[in-house]
C-alpha atoms as a PDB file:
ATOM      1  CA  MET A   1      -8.298 -12.300 -24.249  1.00  0.00           C
ATOM      2  CA  SER A   2      -4.975 -10.581 -23.522  1.00  0.00           C
ATOM      3  CA  THR A   3      -4.279  -6.978 -22.793  1.00  0.00           C
ATOM      4  CA  GLN A   4      -2.177  -5.095 -25.317  1.00  0.00           C
ATOM      5  CA  PRO A   5      -0.160  -1.925 -24.778  1.00  0.00           C
ATOM      6  CA  HIS A   6      -2.123   1.190 -25.694  1.00  0.00           C
ATOM      7  CA  THR A   7      -0.665   3.477 -28.337  1.00  0.00           C
ATOM      8  CA  ASP A   8      -3.811   5.368 -29.278  1.00  0.00           C
ATOM      9  CA  GLY A   9      -3.372   8.395 -27.032  1.00  0.00           C
ATOM     10  CA  ALA A  10      -4.905   6.794 -23.934  1.00  0.00           C
ATOM     11  CA  PHE A  11      -2.031   8.139 -21.849  1.00  0.00           C
ATOM     12  CA  ASP A  12      -1.617  11.560 -23.454  1.00  0.00           C
ATOM     13  CA  ASP A  13      -3.094  13.417 -20.464  1.00  0.00           C
ATOM     14  CA  LEU A  14      -0.739  11.641 -18.084  1.00  0.00           C
ATOM     15  CA  LEU A  15       2.284  12.242 -20.298  1.00  0.00           C
ATOM     16  CA  ALA A  16       1.403  15.928 -20.561  1.00  0.00           C
ATOM     17  CA  ALA A  17       1.103  16.145 -16.785  1.00  0.00           C
ATOM     18  CA  ASN A  18       4.440  14.374 -16.461  1.00  0.00           C
ATOM     19  CA  ALA A  19       6.097  16.819 -18.834  1.00  0.00           C
ATOM     20  CA  ALA A  20       4.887  19.707 -16.633  1.00  0.00           C
ATOM     21  CA  TYR A  21       6.086  17.860 -13.517  1.00  0.00           C
ATOM     22  CA  ALA A  22       9.498  17.189 -15.056  1.00  0.00           C
ATOM     23  CA  LYS A  23       9.958  20.901 -15.827  1.00  0.00           C
ATOM     24  CA  GLU A  24       9.597  21.689 -12.097  1.00  0.00           C
ATOM     25  CA  PHE A  25      11.394  18.540 -10.869  1.00  0.00           C
ATOM     26  CA  THR A  26      13.652  19.279  -7.889  1.00  0.00           C
ATOM     27  CA  PHE A  27      14.770  15.839  -6.710  1.00  0.00           C
ATOM     28  CA  GLU A  28      17.772  15.344  -8.982  1.00  0.00           C
ATOM     29  CA  GLY A  29      20.467  13.489  -7.073  1.00  0.00           C
ATOM     30  CA  PHE A  30      18.101  12.425  -4.259  1.00  0.00           C
ATOM     31  CA  ASP A  31      19.486   9.244  -2.718  1.00  0.00           C
ATOM     32  CA  GLY A  32      16.108   7.520  -2.262  1.00  0.00           C
ATOM     33  CA  VAL A  33      16.351   6.869   1.482  1.00  0.00           C
ATOM     34  CA  ALA A  34      13.356   7.503   3.707  1.00  0.00           C
ATOM     35  CA  LYS A  35      14.237  10.932   5.101  1.00  0.00           C
ATOM     36  CA  ALA A  36      11.784  10.563   8.027  1.00  0.00           C
ATOM     37  CA  GLY A  37      12.712   6.907   8.533  1.00  0.00           C
ATOM     38  CA  VAL A  38       9.151   5.746   7.855  1.00  0.00           C
ATOM     39  CA  ALA A  39       7.778   2.854   5.822  1.00  0.00           C
ATOM     40  CA  ILE A  40       4.033   2.673   5.199  1.00  0.00           C
ATOM     41  CA  VAL A  41       2.049  -0.440   4.269  1.00  0.00           C
ATOM     42  CA  THR A  42      -1.451   0.528   3.205  1.00  0.00           C
ATOM     43  CA  CYS A  43      -4.190  -0.225   0.718  1.00  0.00           C
ATOM     44  CA  MET A  44      -4.198   0.798  -2.928  1.00  0.00           C
ATOM     45  CA  ASP A  45      -7.474   2.676  -2.326  1.00  0.00           C
ATOM     46  CA  SER A  46      -7.336   6.119  -3.947  1.00  0.00           C
ATOM     47  CA  ARG A  47      -8.996   7.714  -0.910  1.00  0.00           C
ATOM     48  CA  ILE A  48      -5.704   7.284   0.958  1.00  0.00           C
ATOM     49  CA  ASP A  49      -2.917   9.849   0.580  1.00  0.00           C
ATOM     50  CA  PRO A  50      -0.208   8.060   2.585  1.00  0.00           C
ATOM     51  CA  LEU A  51       2.190  10.978   2.917  1.00  0.00           C
ATOM     52  CA  ARG A  52      -0.348  13.680   3.715  1.00  0.00           C
ATOM     53  CA  MET A  53      -2.215  11.524   6.262  1.00  0.00           C
ATOM     54  CA  LEU A  54       1.001  11.436   8.313  1.00  0.00           C
ATOM     55  CA  GLY A  55       2.176  14.992   7.676  1.00  0.00           C
ATOM     56  CA  LEU A  56       5.041  13.765   5.501  1.00  0.00           C
ATOM     57  CA  LYS A  57       6.367  14.968   2.164  1.00  0.00           C
ATOM     58  CA  HIS A  58       7.995  13.511  -0.914  1.00  0.00           C
ATOM     59  CA  GLY A  59      11.108  11.568   0.056  1.00  0.00           C
ATOM     60  CA  ASP A  60      10.165  11.060   3.710  1.00  0.00           C
ATOM     61  CA  ALA A  61       8.810   7.511   3.485  1.00  0.00           C
ATOM     62  CA  LYS A  62       8.842   4.229   1.619  1.00  0.00           C
ATOM     63  CA  ILE A  63       5.302   3.272   0.626  1.00  0.00           C
ATOM     64  CA  PHE A  64       4.014  -0.204  -0.148  1.00  0.00           C
ATOM     65  CA  ARG A  65       0.412  -0.523  -1.322  1.00  0.00           C
ATOM     66  CA  ASN A  66      -1.745  -3.528  -2.101  1.00  0.00           C
ATOM     67  CA  PRO A  67      -5.420  -4.511  -1.939  1.00  0.00           C
ATOM     68  CA  GLY A  68      -6.339  -4.522   1.751  1.00  0.00           C
ATOM     69  CA  GLY A  69      -3.088  -2.998   2.991  1.00  0.00           C
ATOM     70  CA  ARG A  70      -1.755  -6.389   4.106  1.00  0.00           C
ATOM     71  CA  VAL A  71       1.784  -7.347   5.046  1.00  0.00           C
ATOM     72  CA  THR A  72       2.321  -9.823   2.231  1.00  0.00           C
ATOM     73  CA  ASP A  73       5.607 -11.550   1.385  1.00  0.00           C
ATOM     74  CA  ALA A  74       6.349  -8.727  -1.047  1.00  0.00           C
ATOM     75  CA  ALA A  75       5.626  -6.126   1.655  1.00  0.00           C
ATOM     76  CA  LEU A  76       7.980  -7.944   4.036  1.00  0.00           C
ATOM     77  CA  GLU A  77      10.672  -7.917   1.356  1.00  0.00           C
ATOM     78  CA  ALA A  78      10.248  -4.152   1.045  1.00  0.00           C
ATOM     79  CA  LEU A  79      10.399  -3.702   4.827  1.00  0.00           C
ATOM     80  CA  VAL A  80      13.567  -5.793   5.140  1.00  0.00           C
ATOM     81  CA  LEU A  81      15.264  -3.770   2.409  1.00  0.00           C
ATOM     82  CA  GLY A  82      13.947  -0.522   3.862  1.00  0.00           C
ATOM     83  CA  SER A  83      15.162  -1.288   7.368  1.00  0.00           C
ATOM     84  CA  HIS A  84      18.668  -2.226   6.251  1.00  0.00           C
ATOM     85  CA  LEU A  85      19.314  -0.061   3.211  1.00  0.00           C
ATOM     86  CA  LEU A  86      16.862   2.842   3.142  1.00  0.00           C
ATOM     87  CA  ASN A  87      16.862   4.401   6.625  1.00  0.00           C
ATOM     88  CA  VAL A  88      13.548   2.872   7.778  1.00  0.00           C
ATOM     89  CA  ASP A  89      13.233   2.689  11.554  1.00  0.00           C
ATOM     90  CA  ARG A  90       9.428   2.993  11.869  1.00  0.00           C
ATOM     91  CA  VAL A  91       6.761   0.952  10.105  1.00  0.00           C
ATOM     92  CA  VAL A  92       3.153   2.122   9.813  1.00  0.00           C
ATOM     93  CA  ILE A  93       0.640  -0.558   8.826  1.00  0.00           C
ATOM     94  CA  ALA A  94      -2.629   1.144   7.929  1.00  0.00           C
ATOM     95  CA  PRO A  95      -5.593  -0.643   6.372  1.00  0.00           C
ATOM     96  CA  HIS A  96      -8.777   1.439   6.152  1.00  0.00           C
ATOM     97  CA  THR A  97     -12.479   1.535   6.826  1.00  0.00           C
ATOM     98  CA  HIS A  98     -14.937   0.702   4.035  1.00  0.00           C
ATOM     99  CA  CYS A  99     -12.357  -1.494   2.287  1.00  0.00           C
ATOM    100  CA  ALA A 100     -13.708  -3.789  -0.420  1.00  0.00           C
ATOM    101  CA  MET A 101     -11.230  -6.461   0.662  1.00  0.00           C
ATOM    102  CA  ALA A 102     -12.731  -6.463   4.162  1.00  0.00           C
ATOM    103  CA  SER A 103     -16.376  -6.105   3.197  1.00  0.00           C
ATOM    104  CA  SER A 104     -16.603  -8.594   0.335  1.00  0.00           C
ATOM    105  CA  SER A 105     -16.348 -12.354   0.197  1.00  0.00           C
ATOM    106  CA  GLU A 106     -13.955 -14.207  -2.052  1.00  0.00           C
ATOM    107  CA  ALA A 107     -16.955 -15.569  -3.975  1.00  0.00           C
ATOM    108  CA  ASP A 108     -18.458 -12.106  -4.387  1.00  0.00           C
ATOM    109  CA  LEU A 109     -15.218 -10.615  -5.758  1.00  0.00           C
ATOM    110  CA  ARG A 110     -14.767 -13.552  -8.122  1.00  0.00           C
ATOM    111  CA  ARG A 111     -18.352 -13.124  -9.370  1.00  0.00           C
ATOM    112  CA  ARG A 112     -18.006  -9.351  -9.819  1.00  0.00           C
ATOM    113  CA  VAL A 113     -14.662  -9.616 -11.608  1.00  0.00           C
ATOM    114  CA  GLY A 114     -15.951 -12.498 -13.721  1.00  0.00           C
ATOM    115  CA  ASP A 115     -19.017 -10.481 -14.711  1.00  0.00           C
ATOM    116  CA  SER A 116     -16.854  -7.492 -15.617  1.00  0.00           C
ATOM    117  CA  ALA A 117     -14.338  -9.620 -17.519  1.00  0.00           C
ATOM    118  CA  GLY A 118     -16.984 -11.687 -19.264  1.00  0.00           C
ATOM    119  CA  GLN A 119     -15.226 -14.886 -18.239  1.00  0.00           C
ATOM    120  CA  ASP A 120     -14.775 -17.253 -15.335  1.00  0.00           C
ATOM    121  CA  ALA A 121     -12.716 -15.773 -12.480  1.00  0.00           C
ATOM    122  CA  THR A 122     -13.257 -18.522  -9.902  1.00  0.00           C
ATOM    123  CA  TRP A 123      -9.585 -19.490 -10.167  1.00  0.00           C
ATOM    124  CA  GLN A 124      -8.339 -16.021  -9.106  1.00  0.00           C
ATOM    125  CA  ARG A 125      -7.532 -15.531  -5.414  1.00  0.00           C
ATOM    126  CA  PHE A 126      -8.250 -12.079  -3.986  1.00  0.00           C
ATOM    127  CA  HIS A 127      -7.137 -12.538  -0.362  1.00  0.00           C
ATOM    128  CA  VAL A 128     -10.193 -11.039   1.306  1.00  0.00           C
ATOM    129  CA  VAL A 129      -9.897  -9.985   4.932  1.00  0.00           C
ATOM    130  CA  GLU A 130     -12.551 -11.622   7.103  1.00  0.00           C
ATOM    131  CA  ASP A 131     -11.588  -9.866  10.362  1.00  0.00           C
ATOM    132  CA  GLN A 132      -9.751  -6.622   9.681  1.00  0.00           C
ATOM    133  CA  MET A 133      -8.575  -6.009  13.266  1.00  0.00           C
ATOM    134  CA  GLN A 134      -7.314  -9.576  13.657  1.00  0.00           C
ATOM    135  CA  ALA A 135      -5.550  -9.354  10.283  1.00  0.00           C
ATOM    136  CA  LEU A 136      -3.897  -6.106  11.349  1.00  0.00           C
ATOM    137  CA  ARG A 137      -2.684  -7.664  14.606  1.00  0.00           C
ATOM    138  CA  GLU A 138      -1.313 -10.632  12.632  1.00  0.00           C
ATOM    139  CA  ASP A 139       0.464  -8.263  10.245  1.00  0.00           C
ATOM    140  CA  ILE A 140       2.050  -6.355  13.140  1.00  0.00           C
ATOM    141  CA  SER A 141       3.248  -9.656  14.632  1.00  0.00           C
ATOM    142  CA  ARG A 142       4.547 -10.820  11.278  1.00  0.00           C
ATOM    143  CA  VAL A 143       6.748  -7.724  10.928  1.00  0.00           C
ATOM    144  CA  CYS A 144       7.914  -7.842  14.548  1.00  0.00           C
ATOM    145  CA  ALA A 145       8.812 -11.542  14.285  1.00  0.00           C
ATOM    146  CA  HIS A 146      10.713 -11.315  11.010  1.00  0.00           C
ATOM    147  CA  PRO A 147      14.334 -12.326  11.641  1.00  0.00           C
ATOM    148  CA  LEU A 148      15.720  -9.757   9.193  1.00  0.00           C
ATOM    149  CA  ILE A 149      13.838  -6.773  10.587  1.00  0.00           C
ATOM    150  CA  PRO A 150      15.842  -5.348  13.498  1.00  0.00           C
ATOM    151  CA  ASP A 151      14.244  -5.145  16.953  1.00  0.00           C
ATOM    152  CA  SER A 152      15.057  -1.425  16.870  1.00  0.00           C
ATOM    153  CA  VAL A 153      12.400  -0.883  14.176  1.00  0.00           C
ATOM    154  CA  GLU A 154       9.178   0.428  15.740  1.00  0.00           C
ATOM    155  CA  VAL A 155       6.002  -1.101  14.279  1.00  0.00           C
ATOM    156  CA  GLY A 156       2.594   0.532  14.592  1.00  0.00           C
ATOM    157  CA  GLY A 157      -0.805  -0.621  13.415  1.00  0.00           C
ATOM    158  CA  PHE A 158      -3.551   1.878  12.642  1.00  0.00           C
ATOM    159  CA  LEU A 159      -6.983   1.873  11.054  1.00  0.00           C
ATOM    160  CA  TYR A 160      -7.397   4.786   8.641  1.00  0.00           C
ATOM    161  CA  HIS A 161     -10.914   6.221   8.611  1.00  0.00           C
ATOM    162  CA  VAL A 162     -11.649   7.235   5.013  1.00  0.00           C
ATOM    163  CA  ASN A 163     -14.562   9.505   5.977  1.00  0.00           C
ATOM    164  CA  SER A 164     -12.624  11.581   8.518  1.00  0.00           C
ATOM    165  CA  GLY A 165      -8.940  11.162   7.611  1.00  0.00           C
ATOM    166  CA  GLU A 166      -8.142  10.029  11.145  1.00  0.00           C
ATOM    167  CA  LEU A 167      -5.774   7.219  12.121  1.00  0.00           C
ATOM    168  CA  GLU A 168      -6.930   5.014  14.979  1.00  0.00           C
ATOM    169  CA  PRO A 169      -4.106   3.185  16.801  1.00  0.00           C
ATOM    170  CA  VAL A 170      -4.706  -0.566  17.067  1.00  0.00           C
ATOM    171  CA  VAL A 171      -2.947  -2.847  19.543  1.00  0.00           C
END
């Protein structure tokens, strides 16, 4: 089973919203640097609004999202580019409470995805997080130790509480 592009109107609502957005678009000529010097690594969870949780606005930060909010190789690539080319001098790493990646086992996610897909998913790796605080500390260390991320870049780790909107500093 392969996924095919949808052409049956499945995206009409989004395209209509985009047309309205484009009419009011005010970022023409924006250079794409992080105006507040911030890069954020967080989870793809829709309960997280990365800019608003930090009091930032469009254009202030570079945002990298993935399941679990981990500093993966791709996240490190983004942070290296951000710190050298896009004005990033602060990195916020912010996984969150009640994260499926931290509250599920690899076997459970494989079973659930397999059931939903109607096929075997035991070959798919989901990179669950067994100890969220330890993983966050490892991610902070990974950024700090990267040879292409300048020592002048400040790195902070925080746990985002999805039920209160608060960030808890983690050291």
